[in-house]
Amino acid sequence: MRLVSPVLTAVVLAGVLTGCSGPAPVDEAALHRWEVRERASDDALLFARISARADERSDVSKPSVSMTFPAPTKVRSIELACFGDGSMEGALQLRGGSTSRYISLEHAVSCADGRFRFDLSESERTGVEEVGFSAFRSTRDSAWTLHVRSDQD
């Protein structure tokens, strides 16, 4: 019977543990500073946190966070920002009357790239009563904001 070298065992064990360690924890102070900057803008704002463990795509017909306008509104722009150096996917929901539109991100958004602006058609921007968003498949624990500018601003 051949014995495995203790050094080889330690190297293999260290590699396994490193592979299981996952992403570094969120810097709460940096996250707080980012959140304060994001909330300082004048536009309507949705905010939520996302865990890197939230891997599965959620039911986009039930957004994780939403806001309702007091009357049908024309949306000028919608921008998504997320904290840190990871990436995430998501889906935007726009509801007006009996119509709902779901706009999925075509690819993961890199948080380090700054705000992502949704390209909305005229019909998607008109008569909006509710805006919602669901985030999923985040590579890091993070937070996100959705900046909504409308004719009510």
N, C-alpha and C. Protein backbone atom coordinates (compact mmCIF):
# COMPACT_ATOMS: atom_id res chain seq x y z
N MET A 1 0.84 -1.17 0.00
CA MET A 1 0.00 0.00 0.00
C MET A 1 0.89 1.24 0.00
N ARG A 2 0.55 2.20 -0.85
CA ARG A 2 1.35 3.42 -0.98
C ARG A 2 0.73 4.53 -0.16
N LEU A 3 1.55 5.25 0.59
CA LEU A 3 1.06 6.37 1.39
C LEU A 3 1.17 7.66 0.59
N VAL A 4 0.16 8.51 0.73
CA VAL A 4 0.17 9.81 0.06
C VAL A 4 0.99 10.76 0.89
N SER A 5 1.81 11.53 0.24
CA SER A 5 2.67 12.49 0.92
C SER A 5 1.83 13.50 1.69
N PRO A 6 2.20 13.82 2.96
CA PRO A 6 1.46 14.83 3.73
C PRO A 6 1.48 16.20 3.04
N VAL A 7 2.56 16.53 2.33
CA VAL A 7 2.63 17.82 1.64
C VAL A 7 1.61 17.85 0.50
N LEU A 8 1.54 16.77 -0.28
CA LEU A 8 0.58 16.71 -1.38
C LEU A 8 -0.85 16.79 -0.84
N THR A 9 -1.13 16.11 0.26
CA THR A 9 -2.46 16.17 0.87
C THR A 9 -2.80 17.60 1.28
N ALA A 10 -1.86 18.31 1.88
CA ALA A 10 -2.10 19.69 2.31
C ALA A 10 -2.35 20.60 1.12
N VAL A 11 -1.61 20.42 0.04
CA VAL A 11 -1.79 21.25 -1.16
C VAL A 11 -3.16 21.00 -1.78
N VAL A 12 -3.55 19.74 -1.90
CA VAL A 12 -4.86 19.40 -2.46
C VAL A 12 -5.97 19.96 -1.57
N LEU A 13 -5.86 19.80 -0.26
CA LEU A 13 -6.86 20.30 0.67
C LEU A 13 -6.96 21.82 0.59
N ALA A 14 -5.85 22.52 0.50
CA ALA A 14 -5.87 23.99 0.39
C ALA A 14 -6.56 24.41 -0.91
N GLY A 15 -6.31 23.71 -2.00
CA GLY A 15 -6.97 24.02 -3.26
C GLY A 15 -8.46 23.81 -3.20
N VAL A 16 -8.89 22.74 -2.56
CA VAL A 16 -10.32 22.47 -2.41
C VAL A 16 -10.97 23.54 -1.56
N LEU A 17 -10.36 23.90 -0.44
CA LEU A 17 -10.93 24.93 0.43
C LEU A 17 -10.97 26.29 -0.25
N THR A 18 -9.96 26.61 -1.03
CA THR A 18 -9.95 27.89 -1.75
C THR A 18 -11.08 27.92 -2.76
N GLY A 19 -11.30 26.82 -3.45
CA GLY A 19 -12.39 26.77 -4.43
C GLY A 19 -13.76 26.89 -3.80
N CYS A 20 -13.90 26.54 -2.53
CA CYS A 20 -15.19 26.60 -1.85
C CYS A 20 -15.40 27.89 -1.08
N SER A 21 -14.40 28.72 -1.00
CA SER A 21 -14.49 29.87 -0.11
C SER A 21 -15.47 30.93 -0.57
N GLY A 22 -15.80 31.02 -1.86
CA GLY A 22 -16.79 31.99 -2.34
C GLY A 22 -16.25 33.40 -2.37
N PRO A 23 -17.09 34.33 -2.81
CA PRO A 23 -16.65 35.72 -2.92
C PRO A 23 -16.43 36.37 -1.56
N ALA A 24 -15.62 37.40 -1.56
CA ALA A 24 -15.35 38.14 -0.33
C ALA A 24 -16.63 38.82 0.15
N PRO A 25 -16.77 39.03 1.45
CA PRO A 25 -17.97 39.69 1.96
C PRO A 25 -18.06 41.15 1.48
N VAL A 26 -19.26 41.67 1.50
CA VAL A 26 -19.49 43.05 1.08
C VAL A 26 -18.88 44.01 2.09
N ASP A 27 -18.23 45.05 1.61
CA ASP A 27 -17.71 46.13 2.46
C ASP A 27 -18.90 47.02 2.79
N GLU A 28 -19.46 46.85 3.99
CA GLU A 28 -20.68 47.56 4.38
C GLU A 28 -20.51 49.08 4.37
N ALA A 29 -19.35 49.58 4.75
CA ALA A 29 -19.12 51.04 4.75
C ALA A 29 -19.13 51.57 3.32
N ALA A 30 -18.47 50.86 2.41
CA ALA A 30 -18.46 51.28 1.00
C ALA A 30 -19.85 51.18 0.39
N LEU A 31 -20.58 50.13 0.75
CA LEU A 31 -21.96 49.97 0.27
C LEU A 31 -22.83 51.13 0.76
N HIS A 32 -22.67 51.52 2.01
CA HIS A 32 -23.45 52.64 2.56
C HIS A 32 -23.14 53.93 1.81
N ARG A 33 -21.87 54.21 1.55
CA ARG A 33 -21.50 55.42 0.81
C ARG A 33 -22.09 55.40 -0.60
N TRP A 34 -22.05 54.25 -1.27
CA TRP A 34 -22.63 54.11 -2.60
C TRP A 34 -24.13 54.36 -2.55
N GLU A 35 -24.79 53.76 -1.58
CA GLU A 35 -26.24 53.92 -1.45
C GLU A 35 -26.62 55.39 -1.23
N VAL A 36 -25.88 56.10 -0.39
CA VAL A 36 -26.16 57.52 -0.14
C VAL A 36 -26.02 58.32 -1.44
N ARG A 37 -24.97 58.05 -2.21
CA ARG A 37 -24.79 58.74 -3.50
C ARG A 37 -25.93 58.43 -4.47
N GLU A 38 -26.32 57.16 -4.54
CA GLU A 38 -27.39 56.76 -5.45
C GLU A 38 -28.73 57.40 -5.06
N ARG A 39 -29.00 57.45 -3.76
CA ARG A 39 -30.28 58.01 -3.29
C ARG A 39 -30.32 59.53 -3.38
N ALA A 40 -29.19 60.17 -3.59
CA ALA A 40 -29.14 61.64 -3.64
C ALA A 40 -29.73 62.20 -4.93
N SER A 41 -29.94 61.36 -5.93
CA SER A 41 -30.50 61.86 -7.20
C SER A 41 -31.97 62.18 -7.02
N ASP A 42 -32.49 63.01 -7.92
CA ASP A 42 -33.87 63.48 -7.82
C ASP A 42 -34.89 62.51 -8.42
N ASP A 43 -34.45 61.47 -9.09
CA ASP A 43 -35.40 60.59 -9.75
C ASP A 43 -36.01 59.60 -8.76
N ALA A 44 -37.15 59.02 -9.17
CA ALA A 44 -37.77 57.97 -8.36
C ALA A 44 -36.79 56.81 -8.29
N LEU A 45 -36.77 56.13 -7.17
CA LEU A 45 -35.71 55.16 -6.94
C LEU A 45 -36.25 53.89 -6.31
N LEU A 46 -35.86 52.76 -6.85
CA LEU A 46 -36.09 51.47 -6.22
C LEU A 46 -34.74 50.96 -5.77
N PHE A 47 -34.68 50.34 -4.60
CA PHE A 47 -33.41 49.87 -4.04
C PHE A 47 -33.63 48.49 -3.44
N ALA A 48 -32.69 47.59 -3.63
CA ALA A 48 -32.74 46.28 -2.99
C ALA A 48 -31.34 45.69 -2.94
N ARG A 49 -31.19 44.70 -2.08
CA ARG A 49 -29.94 43.95 -2.01
C ARG A 49 -30.13 42.61 -2.70
N ILE A 50 -29.03 42.06 -3.18
CA ILE A 50 -29.08 40.74 -3.80
C ILE A 50 -27.91 39.91 -3.28
N SER A 51 -28.18 38.66 -3.05
CA SER A 51 -27.15 37.74 -2.58
C SER A 51 -26.58 36.97 -3.76
N ALA A 52 -25.32 36.66 -3.69
CA ALA A 52 -24.70 35.84 -4.73
C ALA A 52 -25.33 34.45 -4.73
N ARG A 53 -25.97 34.07 -3.64
CA ARG A 53 -26.64 32.78 -3.58
C ARG A 53 -27.99 32.81 -4.31
N ALA A 54 -28.48 33.98 -4.71
CA ALA A 54 -29.75 34.10 -5.45
C ALA A 54 -29.47 33.79 -6.91
N ASP A 55 -29.23 32.53 -7.19
CA ASP A 55 -28.76 32.13 -8.51
C ASP A 55 -29.89 31.96 -9.51
N GLU A 56 -31.02 31.50 -9.06
CA GLU A 56 -32.09 31.18 -9.99
C GLU A 56 -32.86 32.41 -10.43
N ARG A 57 -33.29 32.39 -11.67
CA ARG A 57 -34.11 33.47 -12.22
C ARG A 57 -35.46 33.42 -11.50
N SER A 58 -35.88 34.55 -10.95
CA SER A 58 -37.15 34.60 -10.25
C SER A 58 -38.29 34.73 -11.25
N ASP A 59 -39.50 34.61 -10.77
CA ASP A 59 -40.69 34.80 -11.59
C ASP A 59 -40.81 36.28 -11.90
N VAL A 60 -40.50 36.68 -13.13
CA VAL A 60 -40.47 38.10 -13.48
C VAL A 60 -41.85 38.73 -13.48
N SER A 61 -42.92 37.91 -13.45
CA SER A 61 -44.26 38.49 -13.39
C SER A 61 -44.56 39.03 -12.00
N LYS A 62 -43.71 38.70 -11.04
CA LYS A 62 -43.83 39.22 -9.67
C LYS A 62 -42.50 39.86 -9.29
N PRO A 63 -42.29 41.13 -9.68
CA PRO A 63 -40.99 41.75 -9.42
C PRO A 63 -40.69 41.81 -7.93
N SER A 64 -39.41 41.73 -7.59
CA SER A 64 -39.02 41.75 -6.18
C SER A 64 -39.25 43.12 -5.56
N VAL A 65 -39.15 44.18 -6.35
CA VAL A 65 -39.40 45.54 -5.87
C VAL A 65 -40.17 46.28 -6.96
N SER A 66 -41.18 47.05 -6.55
CA SER A 66 -41.93 47.82 -7.54
C SER A 66 -42.42 49.13 -6.94
N MET A 67 -42.79 50.05 -7.82
CA MET A 67 -43.38 51.32 -7.40
C MET A 67 -44.53 51.64 -8.34
N THR A 68 -45.56 52.30 -7.79
CA THR A 68 -46.74 52.65 -8.56
C THR A 68 -46.87 54.16 -8.65
N PHE A 69 -47.16 54.66 -9.83
CA PHE A 69 -47.41 56.09 -10.02
C PHE A 69 -48.87 56.40 -9.68
N PRO A 70 -49.18 57.61 -9.23
CA PRO A 70 -50.57 57.96 -8.89
C PRO A 70 -51.48 58.02 -10.12
N ALA A 71 -50.92 58.18 -11.31
CA ALA A 71 -51.68 58.24 -12.56
C ALA A 71 -50.78 57.73 -13.68
N PRO A 72 -51.36 57.29 -14.81
CA PRO A 72 -50.52 56.87 -15.94
C PRO A 72 -49.51 57.95 -16.30
N THR A 73 -48.28 57.53 -16.51
CA THR A 73 -47.15 58.44 -16.64
C THR A 73 -46.32 58.09 -17.86
N LYS A 74 -45.69 59.10 -18.44
CA LYS A 74 -44.70 58.86 -19.49
C LYS A 74 -43.33 58.79 -18.82
N VAL A 75 -42.67 57.66 -18.98
CA VAL A 75 -41.34 57.46 -18.41
C VAL A 75 -40.31 57.99 -19.40
N ARG A 76 -39.43 58.86 -18.92
CA ARG A 76 -38.38 59.40 -19.80
C ARG A 76 -37.21 58.44 -19.90
N SER A 77 -36.81 57.85 -18.78
CA SER A 77 -35.69 56.91 -18.81
C SER A 77 -35.71 56.03 -17.57
N ILE A 78 -35.09 54.86 -17.70
CA ILE A 78 -34.89 53.95 -16.58
C ILE A 78 -33.45 53.46 -16.65
N GLU A 79 -32.73 53.61 -15.53
CA GLU A 79 -31.33 53.19 -15.46
C GLU A 79 -31.13 52.28 -14.25
N LEU A 80 -30.32 51.27 -14.43
CA LEU A 80 -29.98 50.31 -13.40
C LEU A 80 -28.52 50.51 -12.99
N ALA A 81 -28.27 50.54 -11.69
CA ALA A 81 -26.90 50.58 -11.17
C ALA A 81 -26.77 49.49 -10.12
N CYS A 82 -25.60 48.89 -10.02
CA CYS A 82 -25.36 47.92 -8.95
C CYS A 82 -24.00 48.19 -8.32
N PHE A 83 -23.87 47.77 -7.07
CA PHE A 83 -22.69 48.05 -6.27
C PHE A 83 -21.62 46.98 -6.45
N GLY A 84 -20.37 47.42 -6.48
CA GLY A 84 -19.24 46.51 -6.42
C GLY A 84 -18.65 46.17 -7.77
N ASP A 85 -17.93 45.04 -7.79
CA ASP A 85 -17.24 44.65 -9.02
C ASP A 85 -17.77 43.35 -9.61
N GLY A 86 -18.93 42.92 -9.16
CA GLY A 86 -19.54 41.72 -9.72
C GLY A 86 -20.43 42.05 -10.90
N SER A 87 -21.28 41.11 -11.25
CA SER A 87 -22.26 41.34 -12.30
C SER A 87 -23.57 40.68 -11.88
N MET A 88 -24.65 41.06 -12.54
CA MET A 88 -25.96 40.49 -12.23
C MET A 88 -26.85 40.53 -13.46
N GLU A 89 -27.88 39.73 -13.44
CA GLU A 89 -28.90 39.74 -14.48
C GLU A 89 -30.18 40.25 -13.85
N GLY A 90 -31.16 40.55 -14.68
CA GLY A 90 -32.42 41.03 -14.13
C GLY A 90 -33.47 41.21 -15.20
N ALA A 91 -34.68 41.56 -14.73
CA ALA A 91 -35.81 41.80 -15.63
C ALA A 91 -36.62 42.97 -15.12
N LEU A 92 -36.97 43.85 -16.03
CA LEU A 92 -37.77 45.03 -15.76
C LEU A 92 -39.22 44.72 -16.12
N GLN A 93 -40.14 45.19 -15.28
CA GLN A 93 -41.56 45.05 -15.59
C GLN A 93 -42.17 46.44 -15.67
N LEU A 94 -42.92 46.70 -16.75
CA LEU A 94 -43.67 47.94 -16.90
C LEU A 94 -45.14 47.56 -17.04
N ARG A 95 -46.00 48.16 -16.20
CA ARG A 95 -47.42 47.86 -16.29
C ARG A 95 -48.19 49.15 -16.54
N GLY A 96 -49.15 49.08 -17.43
CA GLY A 96 -50.04 50.20 -17.73
C GLY A 96 -51.39 49.65 -18.13
N GLY A 97 -52.44 49.96 -17.37
CA GLY A 97 -53.76 49.40 -17.66
C GLY A 97 -53.71 47.89 -17.51
N SER A 98 -54.20 47.18 -18.52
CA SER A 98 -54.21 45.72 -18.46
C SER A 98 -52.99 45.10 -19.14
N THR A 99 -52.03 45.92 -19.52
CA THR A 99 -50.85 45.45 -20.25
C THR A 99 -49.61 45.46 -19.36
N SER A 100 -48.87 44.36 -19.38
CA SER A 100 -47.57 44.29 -18.71
C SER A 100 -46.52 43.93 -19.74
N ARG A 101 -45.37 44.58 -19.62
CA ARG A 101 -44.24 44.28 -20.50
C ARG A 101 -43.07 43.86 -19.63
N TYR A 102 -42.38 42.81 -20.06
CA TYR A 102 -41.21 42.32 -19.35
C TYR A 102 -40.01 42.49 -20.25
N ILE A 103 -39.01 43.17 -19.73
CA ILE A 103 -37.80 43.43 -20.51
C ILE A 103 -36.62 42.84 -19.75
N SER A 104 -36.11 41.72 -20.23
CA SER A 104 -34.97 41.08 -19.59
C SER A 104 -33.69 41.71 -20.11
N LEU A 105 -32.70 41.79 -19.24
CA LEU A 105 -31.37 42.22 -19.67
C LEU A 105 -30.85 41.18 -20.66
N GLU A 106 -30.30 41.63 -21.76
CA GLU A 106 -29.80 40.70 -22.78
C GLU A 106 -28.54 39.97 -22.33
N HIS A 107 -27.82 40.56 -21.38
CA HIS A 107 -26.61 39.95 -20.85
C HIS A 107 -26.43 40.46 -19.43
N ALA A 108 -25.55 39.83 -18.69
CA ALA A 108 -25.27 40.29 -17.33
C ALA A 108 -24.71 41.70 -17.36
N VAL A 109 -25.13 42.50 -16.40
CA VAL A 109 -24.65 43.88 -16.28
C VAL A 109 -23.47 43.88 -15.31
N SER A 110 -22.36 44.49 -15.71
CA SER A 110 -21.20 44.63 -14.84
C SER A 110 -21.40 45.83 -13.93
N CYS A 111 -21.33 45.61 -12.63
CA CYS A 111 -21.53 46.71 -11.67
C CYS A 111 -20.45 47.78 -11.82
N ALA A 112 -19.26 47.39 -12.20
CA ALA A 112 -18.15 48.34 -12.33
C ALA A 112 -18.32 49.28 -13.52
N ASP A 113 -19.21 48.95 -14.45
CA ASP A 113 -19.39 49.76 -15.66
C ASP A 113 -20.30 50.97 -15.47
N GLY A 114 -20.84 51.15 -14.28
CA GLY A 114 -21.74 52.29 -14.06
C GLY A 114 -23.17 51.94 -14.43
N ARG A 115 -23.99 52.96 -14.59
CA ARG A 115 -25.42 52.75 -14.85
C ARG A 115 -25.68 52.16 -16.24
N PHE A 116 -26.64 51.23 -16.26
CA PHE A 116 -27.11 50.63 -17.51
C PHE A 116 -28.45 51.27 -17.83
N ARG A 117 -28.59 51.83 -19.02
CA ARG A 117 -29.83 52.49 -19.43
C ARG A 117 -30.66 51.54 -20.30
N PHE A 118 -31.91 51.31 -19.89
CA PHE A 118 -32.81 50.48 -20.67
C PHE A 118 -33.23 51.25 -21.92
N ASP A 119 -33.19 50.59 -23.06
CA ASP A 119 -33.61 51.18 -24.33
C ASP A 119 -35.10 50.89 -24.50
N LEU A 120 -35.94 51.87 -24.17
CA LEU A 120 -37.39 51.69 -24.19
C LEU A 120 -38.00 52.35 -25.43
N SER A 121 -38.93 51.65 -26.05
CA SER A 121 -39.65 52.23 -27.18
C SER A 121 -40.66 53.25 -26.67
N GLU A 122 -41.18 54.05 -27.56
CA GLU A 122 -42.19 55.05 -27.19
C GLU A 122 -43.40 54.39 -26.54
N SER A 123 -43.86 53.28 -27.08
CA SER A 123 -45.03 52.60 -26.50
C SER A 123 -44.72 52.03 -25.12
N GLU A 124 -43.49 51.61 -24.88
CA GLU A 124 -43.12 51.09 -23.55
C GLU A 124 -43.02 52.20 -22.52
N ARG A 125 -42.75 53.42 -22.97
CA ARG A 125 -42.56 54.54 -22.04
C ARG A 125 -43.86 55.28 -21.73
N THR A 126 -44.93 55.03 -22.47
CA THR A 126 -46.17 55.80 -22.35
C THR A 126 -47.22 55.04 -21.54
N GLY A 127 -47.94 55.78 -20.68
CA GLY A 127 -49.04 55.19 -19.91
C GLY A 127 -48.61 54.23 -18.82
N VAL A 128 -47.41 54.40 -18.30
CA VAL A 128 -46.87 53.49 -17.28
C VAL A 128 -47.51 53.81 -15.92
N GLU A 129 -48.03 52.78 -15.28
CA GLU A 129 -48.62 52.92 -13.95
C GLU A 129 -47.75 52.30 -12.87
N GLU A 130 -46.95 51.30 -13.25
CA GLU A 130 -46.11 50.61 -12.28
C GLU A 130 -44.81 50.18 -12.94
N VAL A 131 -43.71 50.31 -12.19
CA VAL A 131 -42.39 49.85 -12.63
C VAL A 131 -41.89 48.87 -11.58
N GLY A 132 -41.40 47.73 -12.01
CA GLY A 132 -40.84 46.76 -11.09
C GLY A 132 -39.55 46.18 -11.64
N PHE A 133 -38.78 45.58 -10.76
CA PHE A 133 -37.52 44.97 -11.18
C PHE A 133 -37.20 43.78 -10.30
N SER A 134 -36.66 42.74 -10.91
CA SER A 134 -36.14 41.57 -10.21
C SER A 134 -34.71 41.35 -10.65
N ALA A 135 -33.84 41.13 -9.70
CA ALA A 135 -32.43 40.84 -9.99
C ALA A 135 -32.16 39.37 -9.65
N PHE A 136 -31.26 38.76 -10.41
CA PHE A 136 -30.90 37.37 -10.16
C PHE A 136 -29.53 37.09 -10.76
N ARG A 137 -29.01 35.93 -10.44
CA ARG A 137 -27.69 35.47 -10.92
C ARG A 137 -26.58 36.50 -10.68
N SER A 138 -26.53 36.99 -9.47
CA SER A 138 -25.46 37.92 -9.10
C SER A 138 -24.19 37.14 -8.80
N THR A 139 -23.06 37.64 -9.27
CA THR A 139 -21.80 36.95 -9.01
C THR A 139 -21.23 37.30 -7.64
N ARG A 140 -21.75 38.35 -7.02
CA ARG A 140 -21.29 38.79 -5.69
C ARG A 140 -22.49 39.25 -4.89
N ASP A 141 -22.37 39.25 -3.56
CA ASP A 141 -23.37 39.92 -2.74
C ASP A 141 -23.30 41.39 -3.12
N SER A 142 -24.42 42.02 -3.33
CA SER A 142 -24.43 43.38 -3.86
C SER A 142 -25.72 44.08 -3.49
N ALA A 143 -25.93 45.22 -4.06
CA ALA A 143 -27.17 45.97 -3.97
C ALA A 143 -27.38 46.63 -5.33
N TRP A 144 -28.63 46.98 -5.62
CA TRP A 144 -28.90 47.63 -6.89
C TRP A 144 -29.91 48.75 -6.70
N THR A 145 -29.88 49.69 -7.62
CA THR A 145 -30.87 50.77 -7.65
C THR A 145 -31.42 50.86 -9.06
N LEU A 146 -32.67 51.23 -9.15
CA LEU A 146 -33.32 51.47 -10.42
C LEU A 146 -33.78 52.92 -10.40
N HIS A 147 -33.23 53.73 -11.29
CA HIS A 147 -33.54 55.16 -11.37
C HIS A 147 -34.58 55.36 -12.46
N VAL A 148 -35.74 55.89 -12.07
CA VAL A 148 -36.85 56.08 -13.00
C VAL A 148 -37.12 57.58 -13.12
N ARG A 149 -36.96 58.10 -14.32
CA ARG A 149 -37.28 59.52 -14.57
C ARG A 149 -38.57 59.56 -15.38
N SER A 150 -39.51 60.40 -14.92
CA SER A 150 -40.80 60.46 -15.59
C SER A 150 -41.26 61.90 -15.73
N ASP A 151 -42.39 62.08 -16.40
CA ASP A 151 -42.97 63.41 -16.53
C ASP A 151 -43.46 63.96 -15.20
N GLN A 152 -43.53 63.11 -14.18
CA GLN A 152 -43.97 63.56 -12.85
C GLN A 152 -42.82 64.11 -12.02
N ASP A 153 -41.60 64.03 -12.52
CA ASP A 153 -40.43 64.55 -11.78
C ASP A 153 -40.45 66.06 -11.77
